[in-house]
Amino acid sequence: MKGLTTVGLLVMSNAFMTMAWYGHLKFNGVKGSSYGMFAIILASWGIAFFEYCFQVPANRIGYQQFGGPFTLVQLKVIQEVITLVVFMVFTLVVFKNETFKVNHLIGFVFLILAVYFIFKK
């Protein structure tokens, strides 16, 4: 159960982080979106706060030294795979001009292999 909780929290944290890092790019050129860089940075920090509200508990719940099922390396690999999956979904949904290509699929297959080897005893 702690493993699923950890993964769920990591998905949520990555959704917020992706919005904080890349969401402002969608509003380039939209009428009324001529905010300065400082305002965009502050807005991104505000969104990133919620990322930390999910990321920190995910790592504490999932880490073996706190009773979780994952080693530190496993937590990092899980987080990276989730990051790329969330980013790809975000890109396809929010940025309609981006496409999912064969090389992306091949890269994801290699990520799955990386997860396999990291978890292999």
N, C-alpha and C. Protein backbone atom coordinates (compact mmCIF):
# COMPACT_ATOMS: atom_id res chain seq x y z
N MET A 1 0.82 -1.20 0.00
CA MET A 1 0.00 0.00 0.00
C MET A 1 0.87 1.27 0.00
N LYS A 2 1.99 1.23 0.76
CA LYS A 2 2.87 2.38 0.79
C LYS A 2 3.47 2.66 -0.59
N GLY A 3 3.68 1.59 -1.36
CA GLY A 3 4.22 1.76 -2.70
C GLY A 3 3.25 2.50 -3.60
N LEU A 4 1.98 2.12 -3.56
CA LEU A 4 0.97 2.81 -4.38
C LEU A 4 0.76 4.25 -3.92
N THR A 5 0.77 4.46 -2.62
CA THR A 5 0.65 5.82 -2.09
C THR A 5 1.80 6.68 -2.58
N THR A 6 3.00 6.12 -2.52
CA THR A 6 4.19 6.85 -2.98
C THR A 6 4.07 7.22 -4.45
N VAL A 7 3.69 6.27 -5.29
CA VAL A 7 3.56 6.52 -6.72
C VAL A 7 2.47 7.56 -6.99
N GLY A 8 1.34 7.44 -6.32
CA GLY A 8 0.26 8.42 -6.49
C GLY A 8 0.68 9.83 -6.13
N LEU A 9 1.38 9.96 -4.99
CA LEU A 9 1.87 11.28 -4.58
C LEU A 9 2.90 11.82 -5.55
N LEU A 10 3.74 10.93 -6.09
CA LEU A 10 4.74 11.37 -7.08
C LEU A 10 4.08 11.84 -8.38
N VAL A 11 3.02 11.17 -8.78
CA VAL A 11 2.28 11.62 -9.97
C VAL A 11 1.72 13.02 -9.74
N MET A 12 1.10 13.23 -8.58
CA MET A 12 0.54 14.55 -8.26
C MET A 12 1.64 15.61 -8.21
N SER A 13 2.75 15.30 -7.56
CA SER A 13 3.83 16.29 -7.47
C SER A 13 4.37 16.65 -8.84
N ASN A 14 4.49 15.65 -9.70
CA ASN A 14 5.01 15.92 -11.05
C ASN A 14 4.03 16.70 -11.90
N ALA A 15 2.74 16.51 -11.68
CA ALA A 15 1.75 17.30 -12.40
C ALA A 15 1.91 18.78 -12.06
N PHE A 16 2.08 19.09 -10.77
CA PHE A 16 2.29 20.48 -10.37
C PHE A 16 3.62 21.02 -10.87
N MET A 17 4.66 20.21 -10.80
CA MET A 17 5.98 20.69 -11.23
C MET A 17 6.00 20.95 -12.73
N THR A 18 5.35 20.10 -13.50
CA THR A 18 5.30 20.32 -14.94
C THR A 18 4.56 21.61 -15.26
N MET A 19 3.48 21.86 -14.54
CA MET A 19 2.76 23.13 -14.73
C MET A 19 3.64 24.32 -14.35
N ALA A 20 4.38 24.19 -13.26
CA ALA A 20 5.24 25.29 -12.80
C ALA A 20 6.35 25.57 -13.81
N TRP A 21 6.93 24.52 -14.36
CA TRP A 21 8.07 24.69 -15.27
C TRP A 21 7.66 25.06 -16.68
N TYR A 22 6.56 24.50 -17.16
CA TYR A 22 6.24 24.64 -18.58
C TYR A 22 4.89 25.29 -18.88
N GLY A 23 4.02 25.39 -17.90
CA GLY A 23 2.68 25.94 -18.13
C GLY A 23 2.69 27.35 -18.68
N HIS A 24 3.61 28.17 -18.21
CA HIS A 24 3.67 29.57 -18.67
C HIS A 24 4.01 29.69 -20.14
N LEU A 25 4.63 28.67 -20.71
CA LEU A 25 4.99 28.74 -22.13
C LEU A 25 3.76 28.74 -23.03
N LYS A 26 2.68 28.14 -22.57
CA LYS A 26 1.44 28.08 -23.34
C LYS A 26 0.82 29.47 -23.49
N PHE A 27 1.06 30.34 -22.53
CA PHE A 27 0.42 31.64 -22.52
C PHE A 27 1.21 32.71 -23.26
N ASN A 28 2.27 32.34 -23.93
CA ASN A 28 3.05 33.27 -24.73
C ASN A 28 2.20 33.76 -25.90
N GLY A 29 1.98 35.03 -25.98
CA GLY A 29 1.24 35.60 -27.09
C GLY A 29 -0.26 35.68 -26.86
N VAL A 30 -0.76 35.14 -25.74
CA VAL A 30 -2.18 35.25 -25.43
C VAL A 30 -2.46 36.65 -24.94
N LYS A 31 -3.54 37.25 -25.40
CA LYS A 31 -3.87 38.62 -25.02
C LYS A 31 -3.97 38.74 -23.50
N GLY A 32 -3.32 39.74 -22.95
CA GLY A 32 -3.35 39.98 -21.52
C GLY A 32 -2.32 39.18 -20.75
N SER A 33 -1.41 38.51 -21.45
CA SER A 33 -0.43 37.67 -20.76
C SER A 33 0.97 38.28 -20.82
N SER A 34 1.07 39.57 -20.83
CA SER A 34 2.36 40.23 -20.95
C SER A 34 2.99 40.46 -19.57
N TYR A 35 2.97 39.43 -18.76
CA TYR A 35 3.58 39.52 -17.43
C TYR A 35 5.08 39.53 -17.56
N GLY A 36 5.74 40.22 -16.65
CA GLY A 36 7.19 40.25 -16.65
C GLY A 36 7.76 38.94 -16.13
N MET A 37 9.03 38.75 -16.34
CA MET A 37 9.70 37.52 -15.92
C MET A 37 9.57 37.30 -14.42
N PHE A 38 9.68 38.37 -13.63
CA PHE A 38 9.59 38.23 -12.18
C PHE A 38 8.22 37.70 -11.77
N ALA A 39 7.17 38.18 -12.38
CA ALA A 39 5.81 37.72 -12.07
C ALA A 39 5.63 36.25 -12.46
N ILE A 40 6.21 35.87 -13.58
CA ILE A 40 6.12 34.47 -14.03
C ILE A 40 6.88 33.57 -13.06
N ILE A 41 8.03 34.01 -12.60
CA ILE A 41 8.82 33.23 -11.64
C ILE A 41 8.04 33.08 -10.34
N LEU A 42 7.44 34.15 -9.85
CA LEU A 42 6.66 34.07 -8.61
C LEU A 42 5.46 33.12 -8.77
N ALA A 43 4.79 33.20 -9.89
CA ALA A 43 3.66 32.30 -10.14
C ALA A 43 4.13 30.85 -10.19
N SER A 44 5.26 30.60 -10.83
CA SER A 44 5.81 29.25 -10.90
C SER A 44 6.20 28.74 -9.51
N TRP A 45 6.78 29.60 -8.70
CA TRP A 45 7.11 29.20 -7.32
C TRP A 45 5.86 28.86 -6.54
N GLY A 46 4.81 29.63 -6.76
CA GLY A 46 3.54 29.36 -6.07
C GLY A 46 2.99 28.00 -6.44
N ILE A 47 3.09 27.65 -7.71
CA ILE A 47 2.63 26.32 -8.16
C ILE A 47 3.56 25.24 -7.63
N ALA A 48 4.86 25.51 -7.63
CA ALA A 48 5.85 24.53 -7.17
C ALA A 48 5.70 24.22 -5.68
N PHE A 49 5.16 25.14 -4.91
CA PHE A 49 4.90 24.87 -3.49
C PHE A 49 4.06 23.61 -3.34
N PHE A 50 3.04 23.48 -4.18
CA PHE A 50 2.16 22.31 -4.09
C PHE A 50 2.88 21.04 -4.54
N GLU A 51 3.84 21.20 -5.45
CA GLU A 51 4.67 20.05 -5.84
C GLU A 51 5.39 19.50 -4.62
N TYR A 52 5.96 20.38 -3.81
CA TYR A 52 6.67 19.93 -2.62
C TYR A 52 5.73 19.33 -1.59
N CYS A 53 4.49 19.79 -1.54
CA CYS A 53 3.50 19.24 -0.61
C CYS A 53 3.21 17.78 -0.92
N PHE A 54 3.45 17.34 -2.14
CA PHE A 54 3.26 15.94 -2.52
C PHE A 54 4.59 15.18 -2.57
N GLN A 55 5.65 15.85 -3.04
CA GLN A 55 6.95 15.19 -3.24
C GLN A 55 7.57 14.75 -1.91
N VAL A 56 7.59 15.63 -0.94
CA VAL A 56 8.24 15.31 0.34
C VAL A 56 7.55 14.14 1.03
N PRO A 57 6.21 14.15 1.18
CA PRO A 57 5.57 12.98 1.78
C PRO A 57 5.78 11.70 0.96
N ALA A 58 5.78 11.81 -0.36
CA ALA A 58 5.99 10.63 -1.20
C ALA A 58 7.32 9.98 -0.88
N ASN A 59 8.37 10.78 -0.80
CA ASN A 59 9.69 10.24 -0.52
C ASN A 59 9.79 9.69 0.91
N ARG A 60 9.17 10.36 1.86
CA ARG A 60 9.22 9.88 3.25
C ARG A 60 8.43 8.58 3.41
N ILE A 61 7.29 8.50 2.76
CA ILE A 61 6.46 7.29 2.86
C ILE A 61 7.12 6.12 2.11
N GLY A 62 7.74 6.41 0.97
CA GLY A 62 8.29 5.36 0.14
C GLY A 62 9.68 4.88 0.50
N TYR A 63 10.44 5.67 1.24
CA TYR A 63 11.85 5.35 1.53
C TYR A 63 11.96 4.24 2.57
N GLN A 64 12.81 3.27 2.31
CA GLN A 64 12.98 2.11 3.20
C GLN A 64 13.31 2.49 4.64
N GLN A 65 14.13 3.50 4.83
CA GLN A 65 14.54 3.86 6.19
C GLN A 65 13.39 4.45 7.01
N PHE A 66 12.28 4.78 6.35
CA PHE A 66 11.08 5.25 7.05
C PHE A 66 9.96 4.22 6.96
N GLY A 67 10.33 2.98 6.66
CA GLY A 67 9.34 1.91 6.60
C GLY A 67 8.71 1.69 5.24
N GLY A 68 9.19 2.37 4.22
CA GLY A 68 8.65 2.23 2.88
C GLY A 68 9.28 1.08 2.12
N PRO A 69 8.79 0.81 0.93
CA PRO A 69 9.28 -0.34 0.16
C PRO A 69 10.47 -0.06 -0.77
N PHE A 70 10.89 1.21 -0.92
CA PHE A 70 11.85 1.56 -1.96
C PHE A 70 13.18 2.05 -1.39
N THR A 71 14.27 1.69 -2.12
CA THR A 71 15.57 2.28 -1.83
C THR A 71 15.59 3.70 -2.41
N LEU A 72 16.61 4.46 -2.07
CA LEU A 72 16.73 5.82 -2.58
C LEU A 72 16.87 5.82 -4.09
N VAL A 73 17.66 4.90 -4.63
CA VAL A 73 17.85 4.82 -6.08
C VAL A 73 16.53 4.45 -6.76
N GLN A 74 15.80 3.51 -6.19
CA GLN A 74 14.51 3.13 -6.76
C GLN A 74 13.53 4.31 -6.76
N LEU A 75 13.49 5.07 -5.67
CA LEU A 75 12.63 6.25 -5.61
C LEU A 75 12.97 7.23 -6.73
N LYS A 76 14.25 7.45 -6.95
CA LYS A 76 14.67 8.40 -7.98
C LYS A 76 14.28 7.92 -9.37
N VAL A 77 14.47 6.66 -9.65
CA VAL A 77 14.13 6.12 -10.97
C VAL A 77 12.62 6.19 -11.18
N ILE A 78 11.84 5.83 -10.17
CA ILE A 78 10.38 5.93 -10.27
C ILE A 78 9.98 7.37 -10.57
N GLN A 79 10.58 8.31 -9.85
CA GLN A 79 10.25 9.73 -10.03
C GLN A 79 10.59 10.20 -11.44
N GLU A 80 11.72 9.77 -11.97
CA GLU A 80 12.12 10.20 -13.32
C GLU A 80 11.17 9.65 -14.38
N VAL A 81 10.78 8.39 -14.25
CA VAL A 81 9.86 7.80 -15.22
C VAL A 81 8.51 8.52 -15.15
N ILE A 82 8.02 8.76 -13.93
CA ILE A 82 6.76 9.48 -13.77
C ILE A 82 6.86 10.88 -14.37
N THR A 83 7.99 11.54 -14.14
CA THR A 83 8.19 12.88 -14.68
C THR A 83 8.05 12.89 -16.20
N LEU A 84 8.68 11.95 -16.87
CA LEU A 84 8.62 11.92 -18.32
C LEU A 84 7.23 11.55 -18.84
N VAL A 85 6.55 10.64 -18.15
CA VAL A 85 5.20 10.27 -18.57
C VAL A 85 4.25 11.46 -18.38
N VAL A 86 4.32 12.11 -17.22
CA VAL A 86 3.47 13.28 -16.96
C VAL A 86 3.78 14.38 -17.97
N PHE A 87 5.06 14.60 -18.24
CA PHE A 87 5.45 15.63 -19.19
C PHE A 87 4.90 15.32 -20.59
N MET A 88 4.97 14.07 -20.99
CA MET A 88 4.48 13.70 -22.33
C MET A 88 2.98 13.91 -22.42
N VAL A 89 2.24 13.50 -21.41
CA VAL A 89 0.79 13.70 -21.41
C VAL A 89 0.47 15.19 -21.42
N PHE A 90 1.15 15.96 -20.58
CA PHE A 90 0.96 17.41 -20.52
C PHE A 90 1.23 18.04 -21.88
N THR A 91 2.31 17.64 -22.52
CA THR A 91 2.68 18.19 -23.82
C THR A 91 1.62 17.91 -24.87
N LEU A 92 1.13 16.68 -24.90
CA LEU A 92 0.13 16.31 -25.90
C LEU A 92 -1.22 16.97 -25.65
N VAL A 93 -1.56 17.19 -24.38
CA VAL A 93 -2.86 17.78 -24.06
C VAL A 93 -2.83 19.30 -24.17
N VAL A 94 -1.80 19.93 -23.63
CA VAL A 94 -1.75 21.39 -23.56
C VAL A 94 -1.16 22.01 -24.82
N PHE A 95 -0.12 21.43 -25.35
CA PHE A 95 0.54 21.94 -26.55
C PHE A 95 0.14 21.06 -27.73
N LYS A 96 -0.88 21.45 -28.42
CA LYS A 96 -1.44 20.63 -29.50
C LYS A 96 -0.49 20.48 -30.69
N ASN A 97 0.51 21.36 -30.80
CA ASN A 97 1.42 21.30 -31.94
C ASN A 97 2.53 20.27 -31.74
N GLU A 98 2.62 19.66 -30.56
CA GLU A 98 3.62 18.63 -30.31
C GLU A 98 3.04 17.26 -30.65
N THR A 99 3.88 16.35 -31.09
CA THR A 99 3.42 15.01 -31.45
C THR A 99 4.27 13.96 -30.74
N PHE A 100 3.69 12.79 -30.55
CA PHE A 100 4.38 11.64 -29.98
C PHE A 100 4.95 10.84 -31.14
N LYS A 101 6.26 10.65 -31.15
CA LYS A 101 6.93 10.01 -32.28
C LYS A 101 7.50 8.66 -31.87
N VAL A 102 7.93 7.91 -32.86
CA VAL A 102 8.49 6.57 -32.61
C VAL A 102 9.71 6.65 -31.70
N ASN A 103 10.55 7.64 -31.89
CA ASN A 103 11.73 7.75 -31.04
C ASN A 103 11.36 7.99 -29.57
N HIS A 104 10.22 8.65 -29.32
CA HIS A 104 9.73 8.81 -27.96
C HIS A 104 9.34 7.45 -27.38
N LEU A 105 8.66 6.66 -28.17
CA LEU A 105 8.24 5.32 -27.74
C LEU A 105 9.47 4.46 -27.43
N ILE A 106 10.46 4.52 -28.27
CA ILE A 106 11.69 3.75 -28.05
C ILE A 106 12.36 4.21 -26.76
N GLY A 107 12.40 5.50 -26.54
CA GLY A 107 12.96 6.02 -25.29
C GLY A 107 12.22 5.53 -24.07
N PHE A 108 10.89 5.48 -24.14
CA PHE A 108 10.09 4.98 -23.03
C PHE A 108 10.36 3.50 -22.78
N VAL A 109 10.57 2.74 -23.84
CA VAL A 109 10.90 1.32 -23.67
C VAL A 109 12.22 1.19 -22.90
N PHE A 110 13.19 2.02 -23.24
CA PHE A 110 14.46 1.99 -22.51
C PHE A 110 14.29 2.41 -21.06
N LEU A 111 13.39 3.35 -20.80
CA LEU A 111 13.11 3.73 -19.41
C LEU A 111 12.51 2.57 -18.63
N ILE A 112 11.61 1.85 -19.27
CA ILE A 112 11.02 0.68 -18.61
C ILE A 112 12.10 -0.36 -18.32
N LEU A 113 13.02 -0.53 -19.26
CA LEU A 113 14.15 -1.44 -19.02
C LEU A 113 15.02 -0.94 -17.87
N ALA A 114 15.22 0.36 -17.78
CA ALA A 114 15.99 0.93 -16.67
C ALA A 114 15.32 0.61 -15.34
N VAL A 115 14.01 0.77 -15.28
CA VAL A 115 13.28 0.45 -14.06
C VAL A 115 13.45 -1.03 -13.73
N TYR A 116 13.33 -1.87 -14.72
CA TYR A 116 13.51 -3.32 -14.51
C TYR A 116 14.86 -3.62 -13.88
N PHE A 117 15.93 -3.04 -14.46
CA PHE A 117 17.26 -3.34 -13.96
C PHE A 117 17.53 -2.72 -12.59
N ILE A 118 16.95 -1.56 -12.31
CA ILE A 118 17.13 -0.95 -10.99
C ILE A 118 16.45 -1.78 -9.91
N PHE A 119 15.29 -2.38 -10.23
CA PHE A 119 14.55 -3.17 -9.26
C PHE A 119 15.00 -4.63 -9.20
N LYS A 120 15.82 -5.06 -10.15
CA LYS A 120 16.29 -6.45 -10.18
C LYS A 120 17.21 -6.70 -8.99
N LYS A 121 16.95 -7.78 -8.30
CA LYS A 121 17.75 -8.11 -7.10
C LYS A 121 19.03 -8.79 -7.49
